[in-house]
C-alpha atoms as a PDB file:
ATOM      1  CA  MET A   1      85.807  96.583  90.960  1.00  0.00           C
ATOM      2  CA  LYS A   2      83.488  99.572  91.183  1.00  0.00           C
ATOM      3  CA  TRP A   3      82.391 100.599  94.671  1.00  0.00           C
ATOM      4  CA  SER A   4      79.356 102.856  95.062  1.00  0.00           C
ATOM      5  CA  LEU A   5      80.534 104.129  98.441  1.00  0.00           C
ATOM      6  CA  PRO A   6      84.113 105.211  99.178  1.00  0.00           C
ATOM      7  CA  ILE A   7      86.211 103.146 101.510  1.00  0.00           C
ATOM      8  CA  ILE A   8      87.906 105.498 103.931  1.00  0.00           C
ATOM      9  CA  CYS A   9      90.694 104.255 106.145  1.00  0.00           C
ATOM     10  CA  LEU A  10      90.290 105.015 109.824  1.00  0.00           C
ATOM     11  CA  LEU A  11      92.900 107.562 110.887  1.00  0.00           C
ATOM     12  CA  ILE A  12      92.119 107.923 114.569  1.00  0.00           C
ATOM     13  CA  ALA A  13      92.768 105.626 117.469  1.00  0.00           C
ATOM     14  CA  GLN A  14      89.396 105.969 119.156  1.00  0.00           C
ATOM     15  CA  LEU A  15      85.856 106.241 117.862  1.00  0.00           C
ATOM     16  CA  SER A  16      82.815 106.404 120.102  1.00  0.00           C
ATOM     17  CA  SER A  17      79.118 106.199 119.383  1.00  0.00           C
ATOM     18  CA  LYS A  18      75.911 106.569 121.330  1.00  0.00           C
ATOM     19  CA  ALA A  19      74.866 103.435 123.138  1.00  0.00           C
ATOM     20  CA  GLN A  20      72.149 101.686 121.207  1.00  0.00           C
ATOM     21  CA  SER A  21      68.875 101.139 123.028  1.00  0.00           C
ATOM     22  CA  SER A  22      66.861  99.389 120.339  1.00  0.00           C
ATOM     23  CA  PHE A  23      67.263  97.063 117.389  1.00  0.00           C
ATOM     24  CA  ALA A  24      66.254  99.820 114.943  1.00  0.00           C
ATOM     25  CA  GLU A  25      68.787 102.288 116.340  1.00  0.00           C
ATOM     26  CA  LYS A  26      71.572  99.737 116.359  1.00  0.00           C
ATOM     27  CA  PHE A  27      70.880  98.362 112.912  1.00  0.00           C
ATOM     28  CA  ASN A  28      70.536 101.818 111.347  1.00  0.00           C
ATOM     29  CA  SER A  29      73.900 102.780 112.824  1.00  0.00           C
ATOM     30  CA  LEU A  30      75.767 100.085 110.890  1.00  0.00           C
ATOM     31  CA  LYS A  31      78.052 101.379 108.161  1.00  0.00           C
ATOM     32  CA  LYS A  32      77.109 100.042 104.727  1.00  0.00           C
ATOM     33  CA  ILE A  33      79.137  99.509 101.573  1.00  0.00           C
ATOM     34  CA  GLU A  34      77.294  98.662  98.364  1.00  0.00           C
ATOM     35  CA  ILE A  35      79.126  96.977  95.504  1.00  0.00           C
ATOM     36  CA  ASP A  36      77.917  97.104  91.913  1.00  0.00           C
ATOM     37  CA  SER A  37      77.501  93.312  91.695  1.00  0.00           C
ATOM     38  CA  GLY A  38      74.690  93.391  94.250  1.00  0.00           C
ATOM     39  CA  VAL A  39      76.775  92.812  97.370  1.00  0.00           C
ATOM     40  CA  VAL A  40      76.091  94.805 100.521  1.00  0.00           C
ATOM     41  CA  LEU A  41      78.515  94.819 103.444  1.00  0.00           C
ATOM     42  CA  SER A  42      77.037  95.957 106.755  1.00  0.00           C
ATOM     43  CA  ILE A  43      79.725  96.768 109.291  1.00  0.00           C
ATOM     44  CA  ASP A  44      79.223  96.618 113.051  1.00  0.00           C
ATOM     45  CA  GLU A  45      82.140  98.431 114.672  1.00  0.00           C
ATOM     46  CA  PRO A  46      82.846  98.514 118.407  1.00  0.00           C
ATOM     47  CA  ALA A  47      81.802 101.662 120.234  1.00  0.00           C
ATOM     48  CA  VAL A  48      85.455 102.376 121.042  1.00  0.00           C
ATOM     49  CA  PHE A  49      88.564 101.398 119.092  1.00  0.00           C
ATOM     50  CA  THR A  50      91.778 101.037 121.079  1.00  0.00           C
ATOM     51  CA  LEU A  51      94.844 101.242 118.877  1.00  0.00           C
ATOM     52  CA  SER A  52      96.989  99.383 121.401  1.00  0.00           C
ATOM     53  CA  GLU A  53      94.693  96.341 121.389  1.00  0.00           C
ATOM     54  CA  PRO A  54      94.453  93.687 118.642  1.00  0.00           C
ATOM     55  CA  THR A  55      91.760  94.105 116.003  1.00  0.00           C
ATOM     56  CA  LYS A  56      89.848  91.231 114.462  1.00  0.00           C
ATOM     57  CA  ILE A  57      87.560  91.599 111.446  1.00  0.00           C
ATOM     58  CA  ILE A  58      84.972  88.831 111.393  1.00  0.00           C
ATOM     59  CA  VAL A  59      83.369  88.388 107.986  1.00  0.00           C
ATOM     60  CA  TYR A  60      80.035  86.600 108.405  1.00  0.00           C
ATOM     61  CA  ALA A  61      78.673  85.420 105.058  1.00  0.00           C
ATOM     62  CA  LEU A  62      74.888  85.188 105.265  1.00  0.00           C
ATOM     63  CA  PRO A  63      72.942  81.951 104.860  1.00  0.00           C
ATOM     64  CA  ASN A  64      70.651  81.390 101.896  1.00  0.00           C
ATOM     65  CA  GLY A  65      67.353  83.247 102.101  1.00  0.00           C
ATOM     66  CA  ASN A  66      68.229  85.550 104.996  1.00  0.00           C
ATOM     67  CA  THR A  67      68.638  89.312 105.158  1.00  0.00           C
ATOM     68  CA  THR A  68      71.221  91.092 107.268  1.00  0.00           C
ATOM     69  CA  GLU A  69      68.461  92.366 109.593  1.00  0.00           C
ATOM     70  CA  GLN A  70      67.257  88.807 110.189  1.00  0.00           C
ATOM     71  CA  THR A  71      70.802  87.542 110.672  1.00  0.00           C
ATOM     72  CA  PHE A  72      71.550  90.266 113.230  1.00  0.00           C
ATOM     73  CA  GLY A  73      68.401  89.226 115.106  1.00  0.00           C
ATOM     74  CA  LYS A  74      65.961  90.806 117.560  1.00  0.00           C
ATOM     75  CA  LYS A  75      63.298  89.954 120.082  1.00  0.00           C
ATOM     76  CA  LEU A  76      60.224  88.827 118.211  1.00  0.00           C
ATOM     77  CA  ALA A  77      57.156  91.047 118.297  1.00  0.00           C
ATOM     78  CA  GLN A  78      53.731  90.122 116.988  1.00  0.00           C
ATOM     79  CA  GLY A  79      53.875  89.752 113.227  1.00  0.00           C
ATOM     80  CA  ASP A  80      57.675  89.511 113.001  1.00  0.00           C
ATOM     81  CA  ASP A  81      59.239  86.992 110.625  1.00  0.00           C
ATOM     82  CA  TRP A  82      60.593  83.968 112.496  1.00  0.00           C
ATOM     83  CA  HIS A  83      63.964  84.429 110.781  1.00  0.00           C
ATOM     84  CA  PHE A  84      64.726  87.230 113.258  1.00  0.00           C
ATOM     85  CA  ASP A  85      64.998  84.647 116.057  1.00  0.00           C
ATOM     86  CA  ILE A  86      67.247  81.934 114.646  1.00  0.00           C
ATOM     87  CA  GLN A  87      70.818  83.307 114.483  1.00  0.00           C
ATOM     88  CA  HIS A  88      71.255  86.399 116.681  1.00  0.00           C
ATOM     89  CA  ILE A  89      74.701  87.221 115.397  1.00  0.00           C
ATOM     90  CA  GLY A  90      74.247  90.726 116.827  1.00  0.00           C
ATOM     91  CA  ALA A  91      73.679  89.447 120.350  1.00  0.00           C
ATOM     92  CA  GLN A  92      76.365  86.772 120.054  1.00  0.00           C
ATOM     93  CA  THR A  93      78.758  89.510 118.937  1.00  0.00           C
ATOM     94  CA  GLU A  94      78.009  91.530 122.068  1.00  0.00           C
ATOM     95  CA  PHE A  95      78.633  88.445 124.198  1.00  0.00           C
ATOM     96  CA  ILE A  96      82.019  88.084 122.480  1.00  0.00           C
ATOM     97  CA  ARG A  97      82.891  91.752 123.020  1.00  0.00           C
ATOM     98  CA  ASN A  98      81.916  91.642 126.673  1.00  0.00           C
ATOM     99  CA  ALA A  99      83.897  88.453 127.254  1.00  0.00           C
ATOM    100  CA  ASP A 100      86.994  89.777 125.480  1.00  0.00           C
ATOM    101  CA  VAL A 101      87.262  93.495 126.253  1.00  0.00           C
ATOM    102  CA  ASN A 102      90.903  93.610 125.141  1.00  0.00           C
ATOM    103  CA  THR A 103      90.152  93.085 121.431  1.00  0.00           C
ATOM    104  CA  ASN A 104      88.489  95.302 118.842  1.00  0.00           C
ATOM    105  CA  TYR A 105      85.895  93.083 117.139  1.00  0.00           C
ATOM    106  CA  ILE A 106      84.509  94.325 113.820  1.00  0.00           C
ATOM    107  CA  ILE A 107      81.687  92.243 112.326  1.00  0.00           C
ATOM    108  CA  VAL A 108      81.013  92.460 108.598  1.00  0.00           C
ATOM    109  CA  TYR A 109      77.732  90.968 107.397  1.00  0.00           C
ATOM    110  CA  ALA A 110      78.175  89.925 103.754  1.00  0.00           C
ATOM    111  CA  GLU A 111      74.879  89.804 101.839  1.00  0.00           C
ATOM    112  CA  ASN A 112      74.020  89.727  98.135  1.00  0.00           C
ATOM    113  CA  ASN A 113      70.851  90.593  96.251  1.00  0.00           C
ATOM    114  CA  LEU A 114      70.177  86.952  95.323  1.00  0.00           C
ATOM    115  CA  LYS A 115      70.186  85.961  99.004  1.00  0.00           C
ATOM    116  CA  SER A 116      72.421  83.057  98.075  1.00  0.00           C
ATOM    117  CA  TRP A 117      76.192  82.975  97.789  1.00  0.00           C
ATOM    118  CA  PRO A 118      76.151  79.801  95.641  1.00  0.00           C
ATOM    119  CA  ALA A 119      73.711  81.452  93.194  1.00  0.00           C
ATOM    120  CA  TRP A 120      75.695  84.701  93.205  1.00  0.00           C
ATOM    121  CA  ARG A 121      78.926  82.869  92.443  1.00  0.00           C
ATOM    122  CA  ARG A 122      77.262  81.067  89.534  1.00  0.00           C
ATOM    123  CA  LYS A 123      76.010  84.361  88.114  1.00  0.00           C
ATOM    124  CA  TYR A 124      79.423  86.051  87.904  1.00  0.00           C
ATOM    125  CA  THR A 125      82.294  84.391  86.076  1.00  0.00           C
ATOM    126  CA  ASN A 126      84.779  86.372  88.167  1.00  0.00           C
ATOM    127  CA  SER A 127      82.914  85.835  91.426  1.00  0.00           C
ATOM    128  CA  ASP A 128      85.835  84.301  93.317  1.00  0.00           C
ATOM    129  CA  THR A 129      88.087  87.185  92.303  1.00  0.00           C
ATOM    130  CA  GLN A 130      85.436  89.616  93.522  1.00  0.00           C
ATOM    131  CA  ILE A 131      85.263  87.858  96.871  1.00  0.00           C
ATOM    132  CA  GLY A 132      89.037  88.078  97.185  1.00  0.00           C
ATOM    133  CA  GLU A 133      88.858  91.821  96.473  1.00  0.00           C
ATOM    134  CA  ILE A 134      86.103  92.290  99.061  1.00  0.00           C
ATOM    135  CA  VAL A 135      88.221  90.715 101.797  1.00  0.00           C
ATOM    136  CA  SER A 136      91.322  92.657 100.719  1.00  0.00           C
ATOM    137  CA  SER A 137      89.351  95.913 100.796  1.00  0.00           C
ATOM    138  CA  LEU A 138      88.344  95.272 104.408  1.00  0.00           C
ATOM    139  CA  LEU A 139      91.966  94.719 105.349  1.00  0.00           C
ATOM    140  CA  GLN A 140      92.821  98.018 103.661  1.00  0.00           C
ATOM    141  CA  ARG A 141      89.951  99.882 105.318  1.00  0.00           C
ATOM    142  CA  TYR A 142      91.285  99.095 108.789  1.00  0.00           C
ATOM    143  CA  LYS A 143      94.997  98.900 107.937  1.00  0.00           C
ATOM    144  CA  ASN A 144      95.973 101.344 110.702  1.00  0.00           C
ATOM    145  CA  PHE A 145      94.811  98.743 113.218  1.00  0.00           C
ATOM    146  CA  ASN A 146      96.884  95.923 111.656  1.00  0.00           C
ATOM    147  CA  PRO A 147      93.870  93.579 111.756  1.00  0.00           C
ATOM    148  CA  GLN A 148      93.579  89.832 111.509  1.00  0.00           C
ATOM    149  CA  ILE A 149      90.613  88.463 109.583  1.00  0.00           C
ATOM    150  CA  ILE A 150      88.234  85.667 110.545  1.00  0.00           C
ATOM    151  CA  LEU A 151      86.146  84.156 107.749  1.00  0.00           C
ATOM    152  CA  SER A 152      82.869  82.641 108.891  1.00  0.00           C
ATOM    153  CA  GLY A 153      79.501  81.767 107.460  1.00  0.00           C
ATOM    154  CA  HIS A 154      76.356  79.739 107.886  1.00  0.00           C
ATOM    155  CA  SER A 155      74.641  77.527 105.299  1.00  0.00           C
ATOM    156  CA  GLY A 156      75.279  78.912 101.804  1.00  0.00           C
ATOM    157  CA  GLY A 157      77.623  81.426 103.405  1.00  0.00           C
ATOM    158  CA  GLY A 158      80.253  78.718 103.251  1.00  0.00           C
ATOM    159  CA  SER A 159      80.319  79.242  99.493  1.00  0.00           C
ATOM    160  CA  PHE A 160      81.752  82.725 100.111  1.00  0.00           C
ATOM    161  CA  ILE A 161      84.592  81.168 102.131  1.00  0.00           C
ATOM    162  CA  PHE A 162      85.405  78.576  99.481  1.00  0.00           C
ATOM    163  CA  GLY A 163      85.229  81.279  96.816  1.00  0.00           C
ATOM    164  CA  TYR A 164      87.810  83.228  98.784  1.00  0.00           C
ATOM    165  CA  ILE A 165      90.089  80.196  99.119  1.00  0.00           C
ATOM    166  CA  ASN A 166      89.772  79.607  95.359  1.00  0.00           C
ATOM    167  CA  SER A 167      90.823  83.212  94.685  1.00  0.00           C
ATOM    168  CA  GLN A 168      94.147  82.846  96.507  1.00  0.00           C
ATOM    169  CA  ALA A 169      97.264  80.948  95.469  1.00  0.00           C
ATOM    170  CA  GLN A 170      97.693  80.346  99.193  1.00  0.00           C
ATOM    171  CA  ILE A 171      95.528  81.477 102.111  1.00  0.00           C
ATOM    172  CA  PRO A 172      97.177  84.718 103.341  1.00  0.00           C
ATOM    173  CA  ALA A 173      98.781  85.027 106.759  1.00  0.00           C
ATOM    174  CA  TYR A 174      96.288  87.711 107.801  1.00  0.00           C
ATOM    175  CA  ILE A 175      93.495  85.124 107.753  1.00  0.00           C
ATOM    176  CA  GLU A 176      93.626  84.031 111.379  1.00  0.00           C
ATOM    177  CA  ARG A 177      90.622  81.730 111.637  1.00  0.00           C
ATOM    178  CA  ILE A 178      88.075  80.057 109.372  1.00  0.00           C
ATOM    179  CA  GLY A 179      84.756  78.883 110.798  1.00  0.00           C
ATOM    180  CA  PHE A 180      81.968  76.931 109.127  1.00  0.00           C
ATOM    181  CA  LEU A 181      78.511  76.833 110.735  1.00  0.00           C
ATOM    182  CA  ASP A 182      76.846  73.971 108.877  1.00  0.00           C
ATOM    183  CA  ALA A 183      78.385  75.441 105.746  1.00  0.00           C
ATOM    184  CA  THR A 184      80.861  72.959 104.243  1.00  0.00           C
ATOM    185  CA  TYR A 185      78.721  71.945 101.226  1.00  0.00           C
ATOM    186  CA  GLY A 186      81.253  73.348  98.746  1.00  0.00           C
ATOM    187  CA  TYR A 187      84.366  71.585 100.008  1.00  0.00           C
ATOM    188  CA  GLU A 188      86.373  69.796  97.316  1.00  0.00           C
ATOM    189  CA  THR A 189      89.494  67.854  98.267  1.00  0.00           C
ATOM    190  CA  GLU A 190      91.295  68.717  95.023  1.00  0.00           C
ATOM    191  CA  LYS A 191      90.718  72.465  95.376  1.00  0.00           C
ATOM    192  CA  HIS A 192      90.924  73.059  99.101  1.00  0.00           C
ATOM    193  CA  GLN A 193      92.836  70.377 101.005  1.00  0.00           C
ATOM    194  CA  ALA A 194      96.373  71.486 100.154  1.00  0.00           C
ATOM    195  CA  LYS A 195      95.666  75.187 100.771  1.00  0.00           C
ATOM    196  CA  LEU A 196      94.089  74.459 104.152  1.00  0.00           C
ATOM    197  CA  LYS A 197      97.010  72.239 105.166  1.00  0.00           C
ATOM    198  CA  THR A 198      99.629  74.824 104.241  1.00  0.00           C
ATOM    199  CA  TRP A 199      97.743  77.591 106.014  1.00  0.00           C
ATOM    200  CA  LEU A 200      97.119  75.570 109.182  1.00  0.00           C
ATOM    201  CA  LYS A 201     100.807  74.716 109.505  1.00  0.00           C
ATOM    202  CA  ALA A 202     101.555  78.402 110.087  1.00  0.00           C
ATOM    203  CA  LYS A 203     101.491  79.774 113.628  1.00  0.00           C
ATOM    204  CA  ASN A 204      98.217  80.730 115.334  1.00  0.00           C
ATOM    205  CA  LYS A 205      95.789  79.533 112.667  1.00  0.00           C
ATOM    206  CA  SER A 206      92.452  77.942 113.491  1.00  0.00           C
ATOM    207  CA  LEU A 207      89.827  75.945 111.611  1.00  0.00           C
ATOM    208  CA  GLN A 208      86.454  75.423 113.307  1.00  0.00           C
ATOM    209  CA  VAL A 209      83.715  73.254 111.806  1.00  0.00           C
ATOM    210  CA  ILE A 210      80.242  72.733 113.239  1.00  0.00           C
ATOM    211  CA  ALA A 211      77.685  70.543 111.466  1.00  0.00           C
ATOM    212  CA  TYR A 212      75.055  67.870 112.074  1.00  0.00           C
ATOM    213  CA  ASN A 213      73.882  64.658 110.443  1.00  0.00           C
ATOM    214  CA  ASP A 214      71.737  66.037 107.644  1.00  0.00           C
ATOM    215  CA  SER A 215      72.053  62.796 105.652  1.00  0.00           C
ATOM    216  CA  VAL A 216      69.204  61.186 107.630  1.00  0.00           C
ATOM    217  CA  VAL A 217      66.739  64.069 107.284  1.00  0.00           C
ATOM    218  CA  VAL A 218      63.644  63.539 105.154  1.00  0.00           C
ATOM    219  CA  TYR A 219      61.828  66.730 104.149  1.00  0.00           C
ATOM    220  CA  ASN A 220      58.535  66.703 102.226  1.00  0.00           C
ATOM    221  CA  GLY A 221      59.015  63.021 101.563  1.00  0.00           C
ATOM    222  CA  LYS A 222      62.505  63.371 100.079  1.00  0.00           C
ATOM    223  CA  PRO A 223      66.043  63.248 101.496  1.00  0.00           C
ATOM    224  CA  LEU A 224      67.201  66.746 102.441  1.00  0.00           C
ATOM    225  CA  VAL A 225      70.623  66.221 100.844  1.00  0.00           C
ATOM    226  CA  SER A 226      72.326  63.649  98.645  1.00  0.00           C
ATOM    227  CA  PRO A 227      74.514  61.014 100.370  1.00  0.00           C
ATOM    228  CA  THR A 228      77.672  63.020  99.604  1.00  0.00           C
ATOM    229  CA  GLY A 229      76.273  66.549  99.278  1.00  0.00           C
ATOM    230  CA  GLY A 230      75.497  67.509 102.862  1.00  0.00           C
ATOM    231  CA  THR A 231      77.618  69.022 105.603  1.00  0.00           C
ATOM    232  CA  TRP A 232      77.765  65.725 107.547  1.00  0.00           C
ATOM    233  CA  PHE A 233      79.610  64.010 104.705  1.00  0.00           C
ATOM    234  CA  ARG A 234      81.670  67.032 103.650  1.00  0.00           C
ATOM    235  CA  SER A 235      82.759  67.935 107.187  1.00  0.00           C
ATOM    236  CA  LYS A 236      83.877  64.362 107.858  1.00  0.00           C
ATOM    237  CA  LEU A 237      85.792  64.453 104.581  1.00  0.00           C
ATOM    238  CA  ILE A 238      87.681  67.613 105.626  1.00  0.00           C
ATOM    239  CA  ALA A 239      88.512  66.073 109.002  1.00  0.00           C
ATOM    240  CA  LYS A 240      89.806  62.890 107.418  1.00  0.00           C
ATOM    241  CA  ASN A 241      91.844  64.897 104.899  1.00  0.00           C
ATOM    242  CA  LEU A 242      93.570  66.721 107.769  1.00  0.00           C
ATOM    243  CA  GLN A 243      93.706  64.013 110.434  1.00  0.00           C
ATOM    244  CA  ALA A 244      97.099  62.481 109.705  1.00  0.00           C
ATOM    245  CA  ASP A 245      98.973  65.762 109.134  1.00  0.00           C
ATOM    246  CA  PHE A 246      97.745  67.356 112.348  1.00  0.00           C
ATOM    247  CA  LYS A 247      97.379  64.237 114.524  1.00  0.00           C
ATOM    248  CA  LEU A 248      93.721  64.940 115.181  1.00  0.00           C
ATOM    249  CA  LYS A 249      92.113  62.941 117.947  1.00  0.00           C
ATOM    250  CA  SER A 250      88.794  61.389 117.015  1.00  0.00           C
ATOM    251  CA  PHE A 251      85.952  60.452 119.383  1.00  0.00           C
ATOM    252  CA  ASP A 252      82.555  58.932 118.768  1.00  0.00           C
ATOM    253  CA  LEU A 253      80.549  60.396 121.661  1.00  0.00           C
ATOM    254  CA  ALA A 254      76.913  59.915 122.631  1.00  0.00           C
ATOM    255  CA  ASP A 255      75.680  63.023 120.856  1.00  0.00           C
ATOM    256  CA  ARG A 256      78.448  63.852 118.377  1.00  0.00           C
ATOM    257  CA  LEU A 257      81.527  62.938 116.404  1.00  0.00           C
ATOM    258  CA  THR A 258      84.612  65.042 117.122  1.00  0.00           C
ATOM    259  CA  TRP A 259      88.051  65.592 115.656  1.00  0.00           C
ATOM    260  CA  PHE A 260      90.474  68.032 117.266  1.00  0.00           C
ATOM    261  CA  ASP A 261      94.128  68.771 117.877  1.00  0.00           C
ATOM    262  CA  LYS A 262      95.713  69.245 121.284  1.00  0.00           C
ATOM    263  CA  ARG A 263      94.809  72.948 121.588  1.00  0.00           C
ATOM    264  CA  HIS A 264      91.490  72.750 119.725  1.00  0.00           C
ATOM    265  CA  SER A 265      92.819  75.180 117.142  1.00  0.00           C
ATOM    266  CA  ILE A 266      91.439  72.605 114.722  1.00  0.00           C
ATOM    267  CA  ASP A 267      88.080  71.381 115.934  1.00  0.00           C
ATOM    268  CA  PHE A 268      85.186  69.529 114.309  1.00  0.00           C
ATOM    269  CA  LYS A 269      81.888  69.106 116.170  1.00  0.00           C
ATOM    270  CA  LEU A 270      79.376  67.005 114.244  1.00  0.00           C
ATOM    271  CA  ILE A 271      76.074  66.518 116.051  1.00  0.00           C
ATOM    272  CA  LYS A 272      74.385  63.142 115.644  1.00  0.00           C
ATOM    273  CA  ASN A 273      70.750  63.070 114.646  1.00  0.00           C
ATOM    274  CA  PRO A 274      69.018  59.764 115.445  1.00  0.00           C
ATOM    275  CA  GLU A 275      65.562  61.361 115.192  1.00  0.00           C
ATOM    276  CA  GLY A 276      66.193  62.866 111.778  1.00  0.00           C
ATOM    277  CA  LYS A 277      65.489  66.454 112.859  1.00  0.00           C
ATOM    278  CA  ILE A 278      66.555  69.620 111.044  1.00  0.00           C
ATOM    279  CA  TYR A 279      69.221  71.265 113.208  1.00  0.00           C
ATOM    280  CA  HIS A 280      70.537  73.577 110.484  1.00  0.00           C
ATOM    281  CA  THR A 281      69.853  76.863 112.295  1.00  0.00           C
ATOM    282  CA  VAL A 282      69.837  75.391 115.802  1.00  0.00           C
ATOM    283  CA  LEU A 283      73.605  74.948 115.463  1.00  0.00           C
ATOM    284  CA  VAL A 284      73.902  78.730 115.236  1.00  0.00           C
ATOM    285  CA  GLU A 285      71.310  79.503 117.912  1.00  0.00           C
ATOM    286  CA  LYS A 286      72.968  77.268 120.504  1.00  0.00           C
ATOM    287  CA  ASN A 287      76.009  79.524 120.849  1.00  0.00           C
ATOM    288  CA  GLY A 288      77.517  78.324 117.579  1.00  0.00           C
ATOM    289  CA  PHE A 289      78.908  81.686 116.480  1.00  0.00           C
ATOM    290  CA  ILE A 290      80.484  82.327 119.890  1.00  0.00           C
ATOM    291  CA  ASP A 291      82.128  78.912 119.774  1.00  0.00           C
ATOM    292  CA  LEU A 292      83.551  79.521 116.299  1.00  0.00           C
ATOM    293  CA  ILE A 293      85.372  82.579 117.668  1.00  0.00           C
ATOM    294  CA  PHE A 294      86.447  81.349 121.106  1.00  0.00           C
ATOM    295  CA  ASP A 295      87.097  77.622 120.669  1.00  0.00           C
ATOM    296  CA  GLY A 296      90.778  76.919 121.087  1.00  0.00           C
ATOM    297  CA  THR A 297      91.400  80.159 123.045  1.00  0.00           C
ATOM    298  CA  ASP A 298      91.556  80.983 126.754  1.00  0.00           C
ATOM    299  CA  LEU A 299      87.868  81.958 126.517  1.00  0.00           C
ATOM    300  CA  GLN A 300      86.701  78.556 125.307  1.00  0.00           C
ATOM    301  CA  ASP A 301      83.582  77.492 127.276  1.00  0.00           C
ATOM    302  CA  LYS A 302      83.790  80.553 129.540  1.00  0.00           C
ATOM    303  CA  GLY A 303      80.218  81.612 130.234  1.00  0.00           C
ATOM    304  CA  TYR A 304      78.828  79.571 127.364  1.00  0.00           C
ATOM    305  CA  LYS A 305      78.693  76.038 126.018  1.00  0.00           C
ATOM    306  CA  PHE A 306      78.089  75.014 122.445  1.00  0.00           C
ATOM    307  CA  TRP A 307      74.868  73.028 122.001  1.00  0.00           C
ATOM    308  CA  GLU A 308      73.410  74.347 125.234  1.00  0.00           C
ATOM    309  CA  ASP A 309      70.970  77.179 126.008  1.00  0.00           C
ATOM    310  CA  ARG A 310      71.560  80.672 124.642  1.00  0.00           C
ATOM    311  CA  ALA A 311      74.296  82.433 126.610  1.00  0.00           C
ATOM    312  CA  TYR A 312      73.603  85.786 124.915  1.00  0.00           C
ATOM    313  CA  THR A 313      69.929  86.343 125.728  1.00  0.00           C
ATOM    314  CA  LYS A 314      70.507  89.594 127.638  1.00  0.00           C
ATOM    315  CA  PHE A 315      72.108  91.140 124.544  1.00  0.00           C
ATOM    316  CA  ILE A 316      69.146  90.549 122.227  1.00  0.00           C
ATOM    317  CA  LEU A 317      67.646  93.926 121.260  1.00  0.00           C
ATOM    318  CA  GLN A 318      63.971  94.732 120.942  1.00  0.00           C
END
């Protein structure tokens, strides 16, 4: 694969940068890697790296139709596009860093020039191989920190995750956690079940799935998704495929369906939708990204709750 910018391994234990006071300053400070197939990786590094602390690289594959700027998020000013106020991965990242000061969190926003990972994968016959190389290159870039990698994504960003799984004979040990934010459209039992099972049986692996009942949504007079094509159906299918092997508990609660193991290292939260609303981005806004990273850890529900008000408001830049 041809890279238009060199990937340079970090050779020092500490890096510091000026505190960011505005959205523009912060966003312009992100390191960017452009790949010849139209992929842009924007990297948000912590202000200080500590070599003695664990390092986690969180790959966040963008949803369909969104730019990295919109995904990072900001306070809305007059005339701003509403997309800037629906995900706030930048602010949720700062919440995570402030809650867990003993870990180096690196966030990599994965965008492509089609603004759609499903469309991008259809365009390139070797797309899954390319995705595998992208993730491997990030591991190499930060190899001196011996990082673990978290794969996450919203909406069509889930296609990036499934493309990665397809590219591997088995999911590597350095993949610590996989998180889907209403992004399981591409799950196929034949392709993914066995790999997920094998990976999850290893020590300290986590699968987090958040979705809602999109099967009852009618948009412009038509169903939003087919009966088997939405994240409600696909997420339930993954849970059922894993339930027996991992002894997942299942509860039908007032507002959601849940499946989880004893430690919540495997956790499915599927929000019910009796009014047929579109909760696609609300799942992210209501602390969804934070929950993907902290659920099943000692920081689960500390200072935040999934599906409740924003816990990261003070970190939103203007």
